[in-house]
PDB file of N, CA and C in Angstrom:
ATOM      1  N   ALA A   1      91.441 113.392  93.698  1.00  0.00           N
ATOM      2  CA  ALA A   1      92.088 114.464  94.423  1.00  0.00           C
ATOM      3  C   ALA A   1      92.717 113.922  95.703  1.00  0.00           C
ATOM      4  N   ASP A   2      92.028 113.009  96.365  1.00  0.00           N
ATOM      5  CA  ASP A   2      92.538 112.460  97.621  1.00  0.00           C
ATOM      6  C   ASP A   2      93.856 111.723  97.405  1.00  0.00           C
ATOM      7  N   LEU A   3      93.983 111.025  96.300  1.00  0.00           N
ATOM      8  CA  LEU A   3      95.234 110.315  96.018  1.00  0.00           C
ATOM      9  C   LEU A   3      96.402 111.292  95.929  1.00  0.00           C
ATOM     10  N   VAL A   4      96.230 112.371  95.184  1.00  0.00           N
ATOM     11  CA  VAL A   4      97.298 113.354  95.019  1.00  0.00           C
ATOM     12  C   VAL A   4      97.611 114.033  96.339  1.00  0.00           C
ATOM     13  N   GLU A   5      96.582 114.367  97.102  1.00  0.00           N
ATOM     14  CA  GLU A   5      96.792 115.025  98.390  1.00  0.00           C
ATOM     15  C   GLU A   5      97.574 114.151  99.357  1.00  0.00           C
ATOM     16  N   HIS A   6      97.541 112.842  99.145  1.00  0.00           N
ATOM     17  CA  HIS A   6      98.261 111.924 100.030  1.00  0.00           C
ATOM     18  C   HIS A   6      99.515 111.344  99.386  1.00  0.00           C
ATOM     19  N   GLY A   7     100.024 112.014  98.355  1.00  0.00           N
ATOM     20  CA  GLY A   7     101.327 111.673  97.826  1.00  0.00           C
ATOM     21  C   GLY A   7     101.395 110.745  96.630  1.00  0.00           C
ATOM     22  N   PHE A   8     100.267 110.327  96.078  1.00  0.00           N
ATOM     23  CA  PHE A   8     100.310 109.448  94.905  1.00  0.00           C
ATOM     24  C   PHE A   8     100.917 110.197  93.730  1.00  0.00           C
ATOM     25  N   ARG A   9     101.901 109.596  93.070  1.00  0.00           N
ATOM     26  CA  ARG A   9     102.592 110.258  91.963  1.00  0.00           C
ATOM     27  C   ARG A   9     102.432 109.523  90.632  1.00  0.00           C
ATOM     28  N   GLY A  10     101.581 108.527  90.574  1.00  0.00           N
ATOM     29  CA  GLY A  10     101.366 107.785  89.336  1.00  0.00           C
ATOM     30  C   GLY A  10     100.435 108.528  88.397  1.00  0.00           C
ATOM     31  N   PRO A  11     100.185 107.943  87.225  1.00  0.00           N
ATOM     32  CA  PRO A  11      99.270 108.579  86.268  1.00  0.00           C
ATOM     33  C   PRO A  11      97.833 108.579  86.796  1.00  0.00           C
ATOM     34  N   ILE A  12      97.134 109.664  86.548  1.00  0.00           N
ATOM     35  CA  ILE A  12      95.751 109.812  87.005  1.00  0.00           C
ATOM     36  C   ILE A  12      94.917 110.306  85.828  1.00  0.00           C
ATOM     37  N   GLY A  13      93.707 109.817  85.718  1.00  0.00           N
ATOM     38  CA  GLY A  13      92.792 110.264  84.676  1.00  0.00           C
ATOM     39  C   GLY A  13      91.367 110.142  85.163  1.00  0.00           C
ATOM     40  N   SER A  14      90.449 110.571  84.332  1.00  0.00           N
ATOM     41  CA  SER A  14      89.037 110.431  84.678  1.00  0.00           C
ATOM     42  C   SER A  14      88.234 110.138  83.418  1.00  0.00           C
ATOM     43  N   VAL A  15      87.128 109.480  83.620  1.00  0.00           N
ATOM     44  CA  VAL A  15      86.167 109.203  82.554  1.00  0.00           C
ATOM     45  C   VAL A  15      84.844 109.754  83.055  1.00  0.00           C
ATOM     46  N   ARG A  16      84.201 110.580  82.251  1.00  0.00           N
ATOM     47  CA  ARG A  16      82.995 111.259  82.724  1.00  0.00           C
ATOM     48  C   ARG A  16      81.849 111.124  81.734  1.00  0.00           C
ATOM     49  N   SER A  17      80.654 111.183  82.275  1.00  0.00           N
ATOM     50  CA  SER A  17      79.458 111.212  81.427  1.00  0.00           C
ATOM     51  C   SER A  17      79.334 112.580  80.776  1.00  0.00           C
ATOM     52  N   ALA A  18      78.497 112.660  79.780  1.00  0.00           N
ATOM     53  CA  ALA A  18      78.237 113.944  79.124  1.00  0.00           C
ATOM     54  C   ALA A  18      77.624 114.915  80.122  1.00  0.00           C
ATOM     55  N   ASP A  19      77.910 116.195  79.959  1.00  0.00           N
ATOM     56  CA  ASP A  19      77.355 117.226  80.831  1.00  0.00           C
ATOM     57  C   ASP A  19      75.948 117.549  80.340  1.00  0.00           C
ATOM     58  N   SER A  20      74.990 116.782  80.836  1.00  0.00           N
ATOM     59  CA  SER A  20      73.622 116.895  80.356  1.00  0.00           C
ATOM     60  C   SER A  20      72.669 116.325  81.403  1.00  0.00           C
ATOM     61  N   TYR A  21      71.413 116.664  81.283  1.00  0.00           N
ATOM     62  CA  TYR A  21      70.425 116.002  82.128  1.00  0.00           C
ATOM     63  C   TYR A  21      70.343 114.546  81.682  1.00  0.00           C
ATOM     64  N   VAL A  22      69.892 113.670  82.562  1.00  0.00           N
ATOM     65  CA  VAL A  22      69.792 112.249  82.219  1.00  0.00           C
ATOM     66  C   VAL A  22      68.350 111.949  81.816  1.00  0.00           C
ATOM     67  N   PRO A  23      68.126 111.622  80.547  1.00  0.00           N
ATOM     68  CA  PRO A  23      66.772 111.300  80.109  1.00  0.00           C
ATOM     69  C   PRO A  23      66.317 109.956  80.674  1.00  0.00           C
ATOM     70  N   LEU A  24      65.048 109.715  80.610  1.00  0.00           N
ATOM     71  CA  LEU A  24      64.492 108.460  81.102  1.00  0.00           C
ATOM     72  C   LEU A  24      64.551 107.380  80.035  1.00  0.00           C
ATOM     73  N   GLY A  25      64.525 106.147  80.473  1.00  0.00           N
ATOM     74  CA  GLY A  25      64.447 105.014  79.558  1.00  0.00           C
ATOM     75  C   GLY A  25      65.725 104.780  78.772  1.00  0.00           C
ATOM     76  N   PRO A  26      65.586 104.154  77.617  1.00  0.00           N
ATOM     77  CA  PRO A  26      66.750 103.792  76.809  1.00  0.00           C
ATOM     78  C   PRO A  26      67.606 104.991  76.392  1.00  0.00           C
ATOM     79  N   ALA A  27      67.017 106.171  76.327  1.00  0.00           N
ATOM     80  CA  ALA A  27      67.773 107.362  75.936  1.00  0.00           C
ATOM     81  C   ALA A  27      68.873 107.694  76.942  1.00  0.00           C
ATOM     82  N   ALA A  28      68.766 107.183  78.163  1.00  0.00           N
ATOM     83  CA  ALA A  28      69.800 107.438  79.170  1.00  0.00           C
ATOM     84  C   ALA A  28      71.154 106.926  78.694  1.00  0.00           C
ATOM     85  N   GLY A  29      71.149 105.884  77.876  1.00  0.00           N
ATOM     86  CA  GLY A  29      72.397 105.324  77.369  1.00  0.00           C
ATOM     87  C   GLY A  29      73.172 106.271  76.471  1.00  0.00           C
ATOM     88  N   THR A  30      72.531 107.338  76.016  1.00  0.00           N
ATOM     89  CA  THR A  30      73.230 108.287  75.148  1.00  0.00           C
ATOM     90  C   THR A  30      74.100 109.261  75.927  1.00  0.00           C
ATOM     91  N   VAL A  31      73.877 109.413  77.237  1.00  0.00           N
ATOM     92  CA  VAL A  31      74.670 110.369  78.026  1.00  0.00           C
ATOM     93  C   VAL A  31      75.422 109.727  79.188  1.00  0.00           C
ATOM     94  N   LEU A  32      75.008 108.536  79.620  1.00  0.00           N
ATOM     95  CA  LEU A  32      75.684 107.890  80.748  1.00  0.00           C
ATOM     96  C   LEU A  32      76.863 107.054  80.269  1.00  0.00           C
ATOM     97  N   LEU A  33      77.854 106.884  81.142  1.00  0.00           N
ATOM     98  CA  LEU A  33      79.004 106.038  80.826  1.00  0.00           C
ATOM     99  C   LEU A  33      78.580 104.593  80.658  1.00  0.00           C
ATOM    100  N   SER A  34      79.229 103.926  79.754  1.00  0.00           N
ATOM    101  CA  SER A  34      79.016 102.488  79.603  1.00  0.00           C
ATOM    102  C   SER A  34      80.203 101.760  80.227  1.00  0.00           C
ATOM    103  N   GLU A  35      80.070 100.458  80.411  1.00  0.00           N
ATOM    104  CA  GLU A  35      81.203  99.671  80.907  1.00  0.00           C
ATOM    105  C   GLU A  35      82.378  99.774  79.941  1.00  0.00           C
ATOM    106  N   GLY A  36      82.072  99.832  78.650  1.00  0.00           N
ATOM    107  CA  GLY A  36      83.122  99.967  77.647  1.00  0.00           C
ATOM    108  C   GLY A  36      83.883 101.281  77.772  1.00  0.00           C
ATOM    109  N   ASP A  37      83.159 102.368  78.078  1.00  0.00           N
ATOM    110  CA  ASP A  37      83.819 103.665  78.276  1.00  0.00           C
ATOM    111  C   ASP A  37      84.800 103.600  79.442  1.00  0.00           C
ATOM    112  N   ILE A  38      84.375 102.957  80.522  1.00  0.00           N
ATOM    113  CA  ILE A  38      85.225 102.833  81.708  1.00  0.00           C
ATOM    114  C   ILE A  38      86.430 101.951  81.402  1.00  0.00           C
ATOM    115  N   ARG A  39      86.187 100.828  80.723  1.00  0.00           N
ATOM    116  CA  ARG A  39      87.282  99.934  80.336  1.00  0.00           C
ATOM    117  C   ARG A  39      88.290 100.660  79.454  1.00  0.00           C
ATOM    118  N   ASP A  40      87.794 101.383  78.449  1.00  0.00           N
ATOM    119  CA  ASP A  40      88.684 102.102  77.537  1.00  0.00           C
ATOM    120  C   ASP A  40      89.506 103.154  78.278  1.00  0.00           C
ATOM    121  N   GLY A  41      88.889 103.849  79.220  1.00  0.00           N
ATOM    122  CA  GLY A  41      89.617 104.836  80.015  1.00  0.00           C
ATOM    123  C   GLY A  41      90.701 104.193  80.860  1.00  0.00           C
ATOM    124  N   ALA A  42      90.400 103.040  81.443  1.00  0.00           N
ATOM    125  CA  ALA A  42      91.389 102.322  82.255  1.00  0.00           C
ATOM    126  C   ALA A  42      92.546 101.828  81.394  1.00  0.00           C
ATOM    127  N   LEU A  43      92.248 101.345  80.199  1.00  0.00           N
ATOM    128  CA  LEU A  43      93.307 100.875  79.302  1.00  0.00           C
ATOM    129  C   LEU A  43      94.209 102.024  78.861  1.00  0.00           C
ATOM    130  N   GLU A  44      93.635 103.182  78.576  1.00  0.00           N
ATOM    131  CA  GLU A  44      94.442 104.348  78.208  1.00  0.00           C
ATOM    132  C   GLU A  44      95.343 104.775  79.361  1.00  0.00           C
ATOM    133  N   LEU A  45      94.810 104.736  80.576  1.00  0.00           N
ATOM    134  CA  LEU A  45      95.599 105.106  81.751  1.00  0.00           C
ATOM    135  C   LEU A  45      96.729 104.114  81.975  1.00  0.00           C
ATOM    136  N   ALA A  46      96.472 102.844  81.713  1.00  0.00           N
ATOM    137  CA  ALA A  46      97.503 101.816  81.896  1.00  0.00           C
ATOM    138  C   ALA A  46      98.656 101.997  80.912  1.00  0.00           C
ATOM    139  N   LYS A  47      98.388 102.601  79.755  1.00  0.00           N
ATOM    140  CA  LYS A  47      99.436 102.855  78.764  1.00  0.00           C
ATOM    141  C   LYS A  47     100.352 104.003  79.177  1.00  0.00           C
ATOM    142  N   ALA A  48      99.855 104.880  80.061  1.00  0.00           N
ATOM    143  CA  ALA A  48     100.613 106.083  80.459  1.00  0.00           C
ATOM    144  C   ALA A  48     101.831 105.743  81.287  1.00  0.00           C
TER     145      ALA A  48
END
């Protein structure tokens, strides 16, 4: 939001975790973003 409020006109996107509570232990990986999710989101934005 801050970028747009200050005049940025380039492509903008977001990558978000699932809308859920975060379980403990290894199950947290089912709802939290992974590095791959962030990378994939950045690559999609770069194509825009």
